[in-house]
PDB file of N, CA and C in Angstrom:
ATOM      1  N   TYR A   1     128.429  60.086  83.426  1.00  0.00           N
ATOM      2  CA  TYR A   1     127.767  61.111  82.631  1.00  0.00           C
ATOM      3  C   TYR A   1     127.379  60.550  81.267  1.00  0.00           C
ATOM      4  N   GLY A   2     126.265  61.051  80.752  1.00  0.00           N
ATOM      5  CA  GLY A   2     125.900  60.727  79.392  1.00  0.00           C
ATOM      6  C   GLY A   2     126.591  61.685  78.440  1.00  0.00           C
ATOM      7  N   PRO A   3     126.386  61.484  77.142  1.00  0.00           N
ATOM      8  CA  PRO A   3     126.987  62.404  76.166  1.00  0.00           C
ATOM      9  C   PRO A   3     126.517  63.845  76.397  1.00  0.00           C
ATOM     10  N   THR A   4     127.408  64.782  76.198  1.00  0.00           N
ATOM     11  CA  THR A   4     127.106  66.195  76.446  1.00  0.00           C
ATOM     12  C   THR A   4     125.933  66.671  75.606  1.00  0.00           C
ATOM     13  N   LEU A   5     125.876  66.292  74.346  1.00  0.00           N
ATOM     14  CA  LEU A   5     124.801  66.740  73.472  1.00  0.00           C
ATOM     15  C   LEU A   5     123.440  66.288  74.001  1.00  0.00           C
ATOM     16  N   VAL A   6     123.356  65.060  74.488  1.00  0.00           N
ATOM     17  CA  VAL A   6     122.106  64.551  75.060  1.00  0.00           C
ATOM     18  C   VAL A   6     121.741  65.350  76.308  1.00  0.00           C
ATOM     19  N   GLN A   7     122.723  65.634  77.142  1.00  0.00           N
ATOM     20  CA  GLN A   7     122.488  66.406  78.366  1.00  0.00           C
ATOM     21  C   GLN A   7     121.984  67.810  78.037  1.00  0.00           C
ATOM     22  N   VAL A   8     122.596  68.451  77.060  1.00  0.00           N
ATOM     23  CA  VAL A   8     122.190  69.809  76.663  1.00  0.00           C
ATOM     24  C   VAL A   8     120.754  69.800  76.155  1.00  0.00           C
ATOM     25  N   LYS A   9     120.419  68.831  75.315  1.00  0.00           N
ATOM     26  CA  LYS A   9     119.050  68.760  74.784  1.00  0.00           C
ATOM     27  C   LYS A   9     118.045  68.474  75.889  1.00  0.00           C
ATOM     28  N   ASN A  10     118.393  67.617  76.838  1.00  0.00           N
ATOM     29  CA  ASN A  10     117.493  67.317  77.948  1.00  0.00           C
ATOM     30  C   ASN A  10     117.268  68.536  78.842  1.00  0.00           C
ATOM     31  N   GLU A  11     118.319  69.310  79.076  1.00  0.00           N
ATOM     32  CA  GLU A  11     118.212  70.497  79.931  1.00  0.00           C
ATOM     33  C   GLU A  11     117.644  71.707  79.193  1.00  0.00           C
ATOM     34  N   GLY A  12     117.738  71.693  77.871  1.00  0.00           N
ATOM     35  CA  GLY A  12     117.216  72.807  77.085  1.00  0.00           C
ATOM     36  C   GLY A  12     118.053  74.060  77.156  1.00  0.00           C
ATOM     37  N   ALA A  13     119.299  73.931  77.595  1.00  0.00           N
ATOM     38  CA  ALA A  13     120.189  75.092  77.703  1.00  0.00           C
ATOM     39  C   ALA A  13     121.624  74.654  77.477  1.00  0.00           C
ATOM     40  N   LEU A  14     122.417  75.553  76.930  1.00  0.00           N
ATOM     41  CA  LEU A  14     123.838  75.312  76.714  1.00  0.00           C
ATOM     42  C   LEU A  14     124.624  76.184  77.679  1.00  0.00           C
ATOM     43  N   ARG A  15     125.463  75.559  78.505  1.00  0.00           N
ATOM     44  CA  ARG A  15     126.315  76.289  79.459  1.00  0.00           C
ATOM     45  C   ARG A  15     127.690  76.467  78.818  1.00  0.00           C
ATOM     46  N   CYS A  16     128.033  77.709  78.524  1.00  0.00           N
ATOM     47  CA  CYS A  16     129.295  78.009  77.852  1.00  0.00           C
ATOM     48  C   CYS A  16     130.294  78.616  78.830  1.00  0.00           C
ATOM     49  N   GLY A  17     131.491  78.064  78.847  1.00  0.00           N
ATOM     50  CA  GLY A  17     132.585  78.649  79.599  1.00  0.00           C
ATOM     51  C   GLY A  17     133.243  79.716  78.740  1.00  0.00           C
ATOM     52  N   VAL A  18     133.266  80.941  79.249  1.00  0.00           N
ATOM     53  CA  VAL A  18     133.789  82.069  78.482  1.00  0.00           C
ATOM     54  C   VAL A  18     134.800  82.837  79.329  1.00  0.00           C
ATOM     55  N   PRO A  19     135.753  83.506  78.675  1.00  0.00           N
ATOM     56  CA  PRO A  19     136.696  84.328  79.439  1.00  0.00           C
ATOM     57  C   PRO A  19     136.018  85.581  79.975  1.00  0.00           C
ATOM     58  N   GLY A  20     136.626  86.187  80.986  1.00  0.00           N
ATOM     59  CA  GLY A  20     136.112  87.445  81.535  1.00  0.00           C
ATOM     60  C   GLY A  20     136.275  88.562  80.530  1.00  0.00           C
ATOM     61  N   ASP A  21     137.097  89.519  80.825  1.00  0.00           N
ATOM     62  CA  ASP A  21     137.328  90.653  79.934  1.00  0.00           C
ATOM     63  C   ASP A  21     138.660  90.466  79.225  1.00  0.00           C
ATOM     64  N   ASN A  22     138.594  90.074  77.949  1.00  0.00           N
ATOM     65  CA  ASN A  22     139.845  89.861  77.224  1.00  0.00           C
ATOM     66  C   ASN A  22     139.796  90.348  75.783  1.00  0.00           C
ATOM     67  N   GLY A  23     138.816  91.137  75.417  1.00  0.00           N
ATOM     68  CA  GLY A  23     138.698  91.606  74.036  1.00  0.00           C
ATOM     69  C   GLY A  23     137.694  90.799  73.237  1.00  0.00           C
ATOM     70  N   PHE A  24     137.483  89.535  73.594  1.00  0.00           N
ATOM     71  CA  PHE A  24     136.497  88.703  72.909  1.00  0.00           C
ATOM     72  C   PHE A  24     135.238  88.544  73.745  1.00  0.00           C
ATOM     73  N   SER A  25     135.270  89.006  74.976  1.00  0.00           N
ATOM     74  CA  SER A  25     134.138  88.916  75.887  1.00  0.00           C
ATOM     75  C   SER A  25     134.286  90.010  76.940  1.00  0.00           C
ATOM     76  N   GLY A  26     133.192  90.657  77.251  1.00  0.00           N
ATOM     77  CA  GLY A  26     133.231  91.688  78.279  1.00  0.00           C
ATOM     78  C   GLY A  26     131.824  92.121  78.640  1.00  0.00           C
ATOM     79  N   LEU A  27     131.723  92.959  79.655  1.00  0.00           N
ATOM     80  CA  LEU A  27     130.428  93.464  80.085  1.00  0.00           C
ATOM     81  C   LEU A  27     130.114  94.775  79.381  1.00  0.00           C
ATOM     82  N   ASN A  28     128.894  94.894  78.892  1.00  0.00           N
ATOM     83  CA  ASN A  28     128.430  96.133  78.305  1.00  0.00           C
ATOM     84  C   ASN A  28     128.196  97.121  79.442  1.00  0.00           C
ATOM     85  N   ASN A  29     128.811  98.283  79.368  1.00  0.00           N
ATOM     86  CA  ASN A  29     128.709  99.280  80.445  1.00  0.00           C
ATOM     87  C   ASN A  29     127.293  99.801  80.641  1.00  0.00           C
ATOM     88  N   THR A  30     126.488  99.789  79.613  1.00  0.00           N
ATOM     89  CA  THR A  30     125.122 100.302  79.701  1.00  0.00           C
ATOM     90  C   THR A  30     124.157  99.256  80.244  1.00  0.00           C
ATOM     91  N   THR A  31     124.220  98.042  79.681  1.00  0.00           N
ATOM     92  CA  THR A  31     123.237  97.011  80.042  1.00  0.00           C
ATOM     93  C   THR A  31     123.721  96.076  81.149  1.00  0.00           C
ATOM     94  N   GLY A  32     125.037  95.999  81.333  1.00  0.00           N
ATOM     95  CA  GLY A  32     125.584  95.053  82.302  1.00  0.00           C
ATOM     96  C   GLY A  32     125.586  93.626  81.801  1.00  0.00           C
ATOM     97  N   GLU A  33     125.190  93.426  80.542  1.00  0.00           N
ATOM     98  CA  GLU A  33     125.153  92.090  79.932  1.00  0.00           C
ATOM     99  C   GLU A  33     126.520  91.761  79.335  1.00  0.00           C
ATOM    100  N   ARG A  34     126.883  90.482  79.376  1.00  0.00           N
ATOM    101  CA  ARG A  34     128.119  90.034  78.745  1.00  0.00           C
ATOM    102  C   ARG A  34     127.897  90.014  77.236  1.00  0.00           C
ATOM    103  N   GLU A  35     128.895  90.467  76.479  1.00  0.00           N
ATOM    104  CA  GLU A  35     128.792  90.506  75.028  1.00  0.00           C
ATOM    105  C   GLU A  35     130.163  90.267  74.413  1.00  0.00           C
ATOM    106  N   GLY A  36     130.163  90.025  73.119  1.00  0.00           N
ATOM    107  CA  GLY A  36     131.400  89.814  72.392  1.00  0.00           C
ATOM    108  C   GLY A  36     131.327  88.577  71.513  1.00  0.00           C
ATOM    109  N   MET A  37     132.431  88.310  70.838  1.00  0.00           N
ATOM    110  CA  MET A  37     132.484  87.207  69.888  1.00  0.00           C
ATOM    111  C   MET A  37     132.170  85.861  70.540  1.00  0.00           C
ATOM    112  N   VAL A  38     132.701  85.589  71.718  1.00  0.00           N
ATOM    113  CA  VAL A  38     132.456  84.287  72.352  1.00  0.00           C
ATOM    114  C   VAL A  38     130.989  84.145  72.760  1.00  0.00           C
ATOM    115  N   VAL A  39     130.358  85.226  73.150  1.00  0.00           N
ATOM    116  CA  VAL A  39     128.931  85.199  73.494  1.00  0.00           C
ATOM    117  C   VAL A  39     128.112  84.891  72.247  1.00  0.00           C
ATOM    118  N   ASP A  40     128.437  85.557  71.144  1.00  0.00           N
ATOM    119  CA  ASP A  40     127.733  85.301  69.888  1.00  0.00           C
ATOM    120  C   ASP A  40     127.932  83.858  69.425  1.00  0.00           C
ATOM    121  N   LEU A  41     129.129  83.330  69.587  1.00  0.00           N
ATOM    122  CA  LEU A  41     129.398  81.950  69.190  1.00  0.00           C
ATOM    123  C   LEU A  41     128.614  80.973  70.064  1.00  0.00           C
ATOM    124  N   CYS A  42     128.530  81.234  71.351  1.00  0.00           N
ATOM    125  CA  CYS A  42     127.742  80.395  72.254  1.00  0.00           C
ATOM    126  C   CYS A  42     126.276  80.390  71.821  1.00  0.00           C
ATOM    127  N   LYS A  43     125.738  81.554  71.509  1.00  0.00           N
ATOM    128  CA  LYS A  43     124.339  81.659  71.077  1.00  0.00           C
ATOM    129  C   LYS A  43     124.117  80.917  69.758  1.00  0.00           C
ATOM    130  N   ALA A  44     125.070  81.008  68.849  1.00  0.00           N
ATOM    131  CA  ALA A  44     124.940  80.340  67.551  1.00  0.00           C
ATOM    132  C   ALA A  44     124.922  78.821  67.716  1.00  0.00           C
ATOM    133  N   VAL A  45     125.818  78.297  68.547  1.00  0.00           N
ATOM    134  CA  VAL A  45     125.847  76.848  68.787  1.00  0.00           C
ATOM    135  C   VAL A  45     124.552  76.418  69.472  1.00  0.00           C
ATOM    136  N   ALA A  46     124.082  77.184  70.444  1.00  0.00           N
ATOM    137  CA  ALA A  46     122.836  76.853  71.147  1.00  0.00           C
ATOM    138  C   ALA A  46     121.654  76.854  70.188  1.00  0.00           C
ATOM    139  N   ALA A  47     121.584  77.836  69.306  1.00  0.00           N
ATOM    140  CA  ALA A  47     120.480  77.901  68.345  1.00  0.00           C
ATOM    141  C   ALA A  47     120.521  76.705  67.401  1.00  0.00           C
ATOM    142  N   TYR A  48     121.712  76.299  67.003  1.00  0.00           N
ATOM    143  CA  TYR A  48     121.843  75.141  66.107  1.00  0.00           C
ATOM    144  C   TYR A  48     121.407  73.860  66.811  1.00  0.00           C
ATOM    145  N   VAL A  49     121.831  73.683  68.053  1.00  0.00           N
ATOM    146  CA  VAL A  49     121.545  72.448  68.796  1.00  0.00           C
ATOM    147  C   VAL A  49     120.118  72.414  69.315  1.00  0.00           C
ATOM    148  N   LEU A  50     119.626  73.550  69.818  1.00  0.00           N
ATOM    149  CA  LEU A  50     118.335  73.575  70.520  1.00  0.00           C
ATOM    150  C   LEU A  50     117.199  74.220  69.727  1.00  0.00           C
ATOM    151  N   GLY A  51     117.514  74.865  68.625  1.00  0.00           N
ATOM    152  CA  GLY A  51     116.479  75.521  67.843  1.00  0.00           C
ATOM    153  C   GLY A  51     116.241  76.947  68.313  1.00  0.00           C
ATOM    154  N   SER A  52     115.183  77.538  67.794  1.00  0.00           N
ATOM    155  CA  SER A  52     114.942  78.960  68.028  1.00  0.00           C
ATOM    156  C   SER A  52     114.590  79.298  69.472  1.00  0.00           C
ATOM    157  N   GLU A  53     114.211  78.332  70.257  1.00  0.00           N
ATOM    158  CA  GLU A  53     113.881  78.571  71.669  1.00  0.00           C
ATOM    159  C   GLU A  53     115.078  78.254  72.581  1.00  0.00           C
ATOM    160  N   TYR A  54     116.265  78.442  72.081  1.00  0.00           N
ATOM    161  CA  TYR A  54     117.475  78.113  72.833  1.00  0.00           C
ATOM    162  C   TYR A  54     117.638  78.983  74.071  1.00  0.00           C
ATOM    163  N   ARG A  55     118.364  78.440  75.034  1.00  0.00           N
ATOM    164  CA  ARG A  55     118.778  79.204  76.219  1.00  0.00           C
ATOM    165  C   ARG A  55     120.270  78.969  76.407  1.00  0.00           C
ATOM    166  N   THR A  56     120.965  80.002  76.881  1.00  0.00           N
ATOM    167  CA  THR A  56     122.389  79.876  77.173  1.00  0.00           C
ATOM    168  C   THR A  56     122.655  80.336  78.603  1.00  0.00           C
ATOM    169  N   GLU A  57     123.705  79.788  79.162  1.00  0.00           N
ATOM    170  CA  GLU A  57     124.215  80.263  80.447  1.00  0.00           C
ATOM    171  C   GLU A  57     125.702  80.507  80.245  1.00  0.00           C
ATOM    172  N   LEU A  58     126.134  81.731  80.482  1.00  0.00           N
ATOM    173  CA  LEU A  58     127.535  82.095  80.317  1.00  0.00           C
ATOM    174  C   LEU A  58     128.219  81.995  81.673  1.00  0.00           C
ATOM    175  N   ILE A  59     129.236  81.164  81.738  1.00  0.00           N
ATOM    176  CA  ILE A  59     129.971  80.953  82.982  1.00  0.00           C
ATOM    177  C   ILE A  59     131.410  81.404  82.747  1.00  0.00           C
ATOM    178  N   VAL A  60     131.827  82.403  83.500  1.00  0.00           N
ATOM    179  CA  VAL A  60     133.182  82.939  83.337  1.00  0.00           C
ATOM    180  C   VAL A  60     134.185  81.950  83.928  1.00  0.00           C
ATOM    181  N   VAL A  61     135.164  81.588  83.113  1.00  0.00           N
ATOM    182  CA  VAL A  61     136.270  80.726  83.536  1.00  0.00           C
ATOM    183  C   VAL A  61     137.566  81.467  83.255  1.00  0.00           C
ATOM    184  N   ASP A  62     138.629  81.009  83.869  1.00  0.00           N
ATOM    185  CA  ASP A  62     139.925  81.634  83.608  1.00  0.00           C
ATOM    186  C   ASP A  62     140.928  80.569  83.184  1.00  0.00           C
ATOM    187  N   TYR A  63     142.165  81.008  83.026  1.00  0.00           N
ATOM    188  CA  TYR A  63     143.223  80.127  82.534  1.00  0.00           C
ATOM    189  C   TYR A  63     143.387  78.880  83.403  1.00  0.00           C
ATOM    190  N   THR A  64     143.157  78.997  84.697  1.00  0.00           N
ATOM    191  CA  THR A  64     143.381  77.859  85.598  1.00  0.00           C
ATOM    192  C   THR A  64     142.141  76.989  85.797  1.00  0.00           C
ATOM    193  N   THR A  65     140.951  77.507  85.497  1.00  0.00           N
ATOM    194  CA  THR A  65     139.730  76.740  85.774  1.00  0.00           C
ATOM    195  C   THR A  65     139.027  76.204  84.535  1.00  0.00           C
ATOM    196  N   ARG A  66     139.428  76.632  83.358  1.00  0.00           N
ATOM    197  CA  ARG A  66     138.657  76.321  82.157  1.00  0.00           C
ATOM    198  C   ARG A  66     138.541  74.831  81.866  1.00  0.00           C
ATOM    199  N   PHE A  67     139.645  74.097  81.902  1.00  0.00           N
ATOM    200  CA  PHE A  67     139.579  72.675  81.584  1.00  0.00           C
ATOM    201  C   PHE A  67     138.975  71.866  82.733  1.00  0.00           C
ATOM    202  N   THR A  68     139.201  72.299  83.954  1.00  0.00           N
ATOM    203  CA  THR A  68     138.601  71.630  85.106  1.00  0.00           C
ATOM    204  C   THR A  68     137.081  71.762  85.051  1.00  0.00           C
ATOM    205  N   ALA A  69     136.588  72.933  84.696  1.00  0.00           N
ATOM    206  CA  ALA A  69     135.143  73.154  84.577  1.00  0.00           C
ATOM    207  C   ALA A  69     134.549  72.281  83.478  1.00  0.00           C
ATOM    208  N   LEU A  70     135.260  72.128  82.382  1.00  0.00           N
ATOM    209  CA  LEU A  70     134.776  71.304  81.279  1.00  0.00           C
ATOM    210  C   LEU A  70     134.787  69.822  81.655  1.00  0.00           C
ATOM    211  N   ALA A  71     135.862  69.370  82.269  1.00  0.00           N
ATOM    212  CA  ALA A  71     135.958  67.957  82.673  1.00  0.00           C
ATOM    213  C   ALA A  71     134.929  67.612  83.741  1.00  0.00           C
ATOM    214  N   GLY A  72     134.629  68.554  84.637  1.00  0.00           N
ATOM    215  CA  GLY A  72     133.677  68.324  85.716  1.00  0.00           C
ATOM    216  C   GLY A  72     132.232  68.559  85.316  1.00  0.00           C
ATOM    217  N   ARG A  73     131.995  68.891  84.042  1.00  0.00           N
ATOM    218  CA  ARG A  73     130.659  69.131  83.496  1.00  0.00           C
ATOM    219  C   ARG A  73     129.970  70.349  84.119  1.00  0.00           C
ATOM    220  N   ASP A  74     130.776  71.281  84.629  1.00  0.00           N
ATOM    221  CA  ASP A  74     130.214  72.563  85.080  1.00  0.00           C
ATOM    222  C   ASP A  74     129.821  73.409  83.873  1.00  0.00           C
ATOM    223  N   ILE A  75     130.466  73.147  82.743  1.00  0.00           N
ATOM    224  CA  ILE A  75     130.142  73.798  81.477  1.00  0.00           C
ATOM    225  C   ILE A  75     130.020  72.709  80.414  1.00  0.00           C
ATOM    226  N   ASP A  76     129.263  73.012  79.361  1.00  0.00           N
ATOM    227  CA  ASP A  76     129.082  72.066  78.261  1.00  0.00           C
ATOM    228  C   ASP A  76     130.040  72.344  77.121  1.00  0.00           C
ATOM    229  N   LEU A  77     130.421  73.601  76.963  1.00  0.00           N
ATOM    230  CA  LEU A  77     131.233  74.039  75.841  1.00  0.00           C
ATOM    231  C   LEU A  77     132.199  75.104  76.333  1.00  0.00           C
ATOM    232  N   LEU A  78     133.459  74.949  76.007  1.00  0.00           N
ATOM    233  CA  LEU A  78     134.475  75.932  76.380  1.00  0.00           C
ATOM    234  C   LEU A  78     134.806  76.775  75.160  1.00  0.00           C
ATOM    235  N   ILE A  79     134.567  78.072  75.252  1.00  0.00           N
ATOM    236  CA  ILE A  79     134.899  79.004  74.163  1.00  0.00           C
ATOM    237  C   ILE A  79     135.928  79.961  74.722  1.00  0.00           C
ATOM    238  N   TYR A  80     137.177  79.552  74.651  1.00  0.00           N
ATOM    239  CA  TYR A  80     138.245  80.301  75.302  1.00  0.00           C
ATOM    240  C   TYR A  80     139.378  80.653  74.352  1.00  0.00           C
ATOM    241  N   GLY A  81     139.361  80.093  73.156  1.00  0.00           N
ATOM    242  CA  GLY A  81     140.438  80.376  72.220  1.00  0.00           C
ATOM    243  C   GLY A  81     141.706  79.613  72.534  1.00  0.00           C
ATOM    244  N   ASP A  82     141.565  78.406  73.043  1.00  0.00           N
ATOM    245  CA  ASP A  82     142.737  77.601  73.377  1.00  0.00           C
ATOM    246  C   ASP A  82     143.340  76.943  72.146  1.00  0.00           C
ATOM    247  N   THR A  83     144.633  76.790  72.180  1.00  0.00           N
ATOM    248  CA  THR A  83     145.331  76.109  71.110  1.00  0.00           C
ATOM    249  C   THR A  83     145.103  74.609  71.221  1.00  0.00           C
ATOM    250  N   HIS A  84     144.806  74.004  70.096  1.00  0.00           N
ATOM    251  CA  HIS A  84     144.609  72.561  70.028  1.00  0.00           C
ATOM    252  C   HIS A  84     145.977  71.887  69.970  1.00  0.00           C
ATOM    253  N   THR A  85     146.265  71.062  70.964  1.00  0.00           N
ATOM    254  CA  THR A  85     147.533  70.332  70.988  1.00  0.00           C
ATOM    255  C   THR A  85     147.255  68.843  71.147  1.00  0.00           C
ATOM    256  N   MET A  86     148.223  68.025  70.789  1.00  0.00           N
ATOM    257  CA  MET A  86     148.069  66.583  70.950  1.00  0.00           C
ATOM    258  C   MET A  86     147.903  66.222  72.424  1.00  0.00           C
ATOM    259  N   GLU A  87     148.641  66.907  73.294  1.00  0.00           N
ATOM    260  CA  GLU A  87     148.524  66.653  74.729  1.00  0.00           C
ATOM    261  C   GLU A  87     147.092  66.894  75.211  1.00  0.00           C
ATOM    262  N   ARG A  88     146.464  67.963  74.766  1.00  0.00           N
ATOM    263  CA  ARG A  88     145.096  68.266  75.198  1.00  0.00           C
ATOM    264  C   ARG A  88     144.083  67.289  74.605  1.00  0.00           C
ATOM    265  N   ASP A  89     144.445  66.644  73.509  1.00  0.00           N
ATOM    266  CA  ASP A  89     143.589  65.590  72.950  1.00  0.00           C
ATOM    267  C   ASP A  89     143.526  64.381  73.874  1.00  0.00           C
ATOM    268  N   PHE A  90     144.637  64.059  74.503  1.00  0.00           N
ATOM    269  CA  PHE A  90     144.745  62.797  75.236  1.00  0.00           C
ATOM    270  C   PHE A  90     144.900  62.928  76.744  1.00  0.00           C
ATOM    271  N   HIS A  91     145.646  63.939  77.204  1.00  0.00           N
ATOM    272  CA  HIS A  91     145.954  64.019  78.638  1.00  0.00           C
ATOM    273  C   HIS A  91     146.295  65.459  79.010  1.00  0.00           C
ATOM    274  N   GLU A  92     145.262  66.278  79.116  1.00  0.00           N
ATOM    275  CA  GLU A  92     145.477  67.678  79.501  1.00  0.00           C
ATOM    276  C   GLU A  92     145.995  67.701  80.938  1.00  0.00           C
ATOM    277  N   LYS A  93     146.997  68.538  81.207  1.00  0.00           N
ATOM    278  CA  LYS A  93     147.726  68.517  82.490  1.00  0.00           C
ATOM    279  C   LYS A  93     146.856  68.696  83.731  1.00  0.00           C
ATOM    280  N   ALA A  94     145.959  69.669  83.728  1.00  0.00           N
ATOM    281  CA  ALA A  94     145.199  69.990  84.942  1.00  0.00           C
ATOM    282  C   ALA A  94     144.154  68.939  85.290  1.00  0.00           C
ATOM    283  N   THR A  95     143.667  68.209  84.280  1.00  0.00           N
ATOM    284  CA  THR A  95     142.565  67.270  84.520  1.00  0.00           C
ATOM    285  C   THR A  95     142.934  65.812  84.304  1.00  0.00           C
ATOM    286  N   GLY A  96     143.960  65.572  83.499  1.00  0.00           N
ATOM    287  CA  GLY A  96     144.348  64.199  83.191  1.00  0.00           C
ATOM    288  C   GLY A  96     143.454  63.528  82.167  1.00  0.00           C
ATOM    289  N   VAL A  97     142.549  64.279  81.538  1.00  0.00           N
ATOM    290  CA  VAL A  97     141.670  63.716  80.519  1.00  0.00           C
ATOM    291  C   VAL A  97     141.891  64.439  79.198  1.00  0.00           C
ATOM    292  N   GLY A  98     141.348  63.873  78.127  1.00  0.00           N
ATOM    293  CA  GLY A  98     141.463  64.478  76.811  1.00  0.00           C
ATOM    294  C   GLY A  98     140.179  65.168  76.402  1.00  0.00           C
ATOM    295  N   PHE A  99     140.283  66.074  75.458  1.00  0.00           N
ATOM    296  CA  PHE A  99     139.135  66.846  74.994  1.00  0.00           C
ATOM    297  C   PHE A  99     139.083  66.846  73.476  1.00  0.00           C
ATOM    298  N   GLN A 100     137.884  67.061  72.936  1.00  0.00           N
ATOM    299  CA  GLN A 100     137.713  67.217  71.501  1.00  0.00           C
ATOM    300  C   GLN A 100     137.699  68.704  71.174  1.00  0.00           C
ATOM    301  N   PHE A 101     138.318  69.057  70.066  1.00  0.00           N
ATOM    302  CA  PHE A 101     138.393  70.450  69.632  1.00  0.00           C
ATOM    303  C   PHE A 101     137.692  70.611  68.293  1.00  0.00           C
ATOM    304  N   SER A 102     137.163  71.797  68.061  1.00  0.00           N
ATOM    305  CA  SER A 102     136.571  72.117  66.763  1.00  0.00           C
ATOM    306  C   SER A 102     137.688  72.447  65.776  1.00  0.00           C
ATOM    307  N   ASP A 103     137.281  72.645  64.538  1.00  0.00           N
ATOM    308  CA  ASP A 103     138.206  73.240  63.584  1.00  0.00           C
ATOM    309  C   ASP A 103     138.461  74.666  64.047  1.00  0.00           C
ATOM    310  N   PRO A 104     139.604  75.240  63.691  1.00  0.00           N
ATOM    311  CA  PRO A 104     139.870  76.629  64.107  1.00  0.00           C
ATOM    312  C   PRO A 104     138.795  77.583  63.583  1.00  0.00           C
ATOM    313  N   TYR A 105     138.402  78.521  64.419  1.00  0.00           N
ATOM    314  CA  TYR A 105     137.442  79.548  64.012  1.00  0.00           C
ATOM    315  C   TYR A 105     138.053  80.937  64.092  1.00  0.00           C
ATOM    316  N   PHE A 106     139.286  81.042  64.577  1.00  0.00           N
ATOM    317  CA  PHE A 106     139.944  82.338  64.699  1.00  0.00           C
ATOM    318  C   PHE A 106     141.444  82.146  64.519  1.00  0.00           C
ATOM    319  N   TYR A 107     142.033  82.953  63.637  1.00  0.00           N
ATOM    320  CA  TYR A 107     143.476  82.937  63.416  1.00  0.00           C
ATOM    321  C   TYR A 107     144.023  84.299  63.821  1.00  0.00           C
ATOM    322  N   ASP A 108     145.010  84.309  64.717  1.00  0.00           N
ATOM    323  CA  ASP A 108     145.546  85.599  65.165  1.00  0.00           C
ATOM    324  C   ASP A 108     147.014  85.799  64.818  1.00  0.00           C
ATOM    325  N   GLY A 109     147.588  84.906  64.053  1.00  0.00           N
ATOM    326  CA  GLY A 109     148.988  85.026  63.697  1.00  0.00           C
ATOM    327  C   GLY A 109     149.907  84.331  64.689  1.00  0.00           C
ATOM    328  N   LEU A 110     149.426  84.065  65.897  1.00  0.00           N
ATOM    329  CA  LEU A 110     150.222  83.375  66.906  1.00  0.00           C
ATOM    330  C   LEU A 110     149.723  81.967  67.139  1.00  0.00           C
ATOM    331  N   SER A 111     148.407  81.775  67.023  1.00  0.00           N
ATOM    332  CA  SER A 111     147.811  80.463  67.303  1.00  0.00           C
ATOM    333  C   SER A 111     146.502  80.321  66.545  1.00  0.00           C
ATOM    334  N   PHE A 112     145.973  79.109  66.544  1.00  0.00           N
ATOM    335  CA  PHE A 112     144.672  78.827  65.973  1.00  0.00           C
ATOM    336  C   PHE A 112     143.729  78.519  67.129  1.00  0.00           C
ATOM    337  N   ALA A 113     142.616  79.193  67.202  1.00  0.00           N
ATOM    338  CA  ALA A 113     141.678  78.977  68.310  1.00  0.00           C
ATOM    339  C   ALA A 113     140.489  78.150  67.824  1.00  0.00           C
ATOM    340  N   GLY A 114     140.103  77.168  68.626  1.00  0.00           N
ATOM    341  CA  GLY A 114     138.946  76.344  68.306  1.00  0.00           C
ATOM    342  C   GLY A 114     138.131  76.084  69.540  1.00  0.00           C
ATOM    343  N   VAL A 115     136.889  75.676  69.343  1.00  0.00           N
ATOM    344  CA  VAL A 115     135.992  75.371  70.456  1.00  0.00           C
ATOM    345  C   VAL A 115     136.253  73.963  70.905  1.00  0.00           C
TER     346      VAL A 115
END
């Protein structure tokens, strides 16, 4: 695989792994569209990377599939609110690979969540 940023720019779309219904993401009962903080964050990153003609694809992941989807390039960006740990930097258990994390964007008193 090439670098994710190059792949996203070549495809013209950002595929974001997002949780189902957990308070930060859910389906709007009227429109049936997914909405919430993680959706807005995905759109913001896409607009920054791709410009005003950005496209996003929201892919629902869960606790057991999120890192596997990211390692397998099924998603480009995981917005799940995971805690950044040294283990996940170097050797995440489910995939055996390491990941890069953003600075925290959400503090809940129990953990720091980053992209």
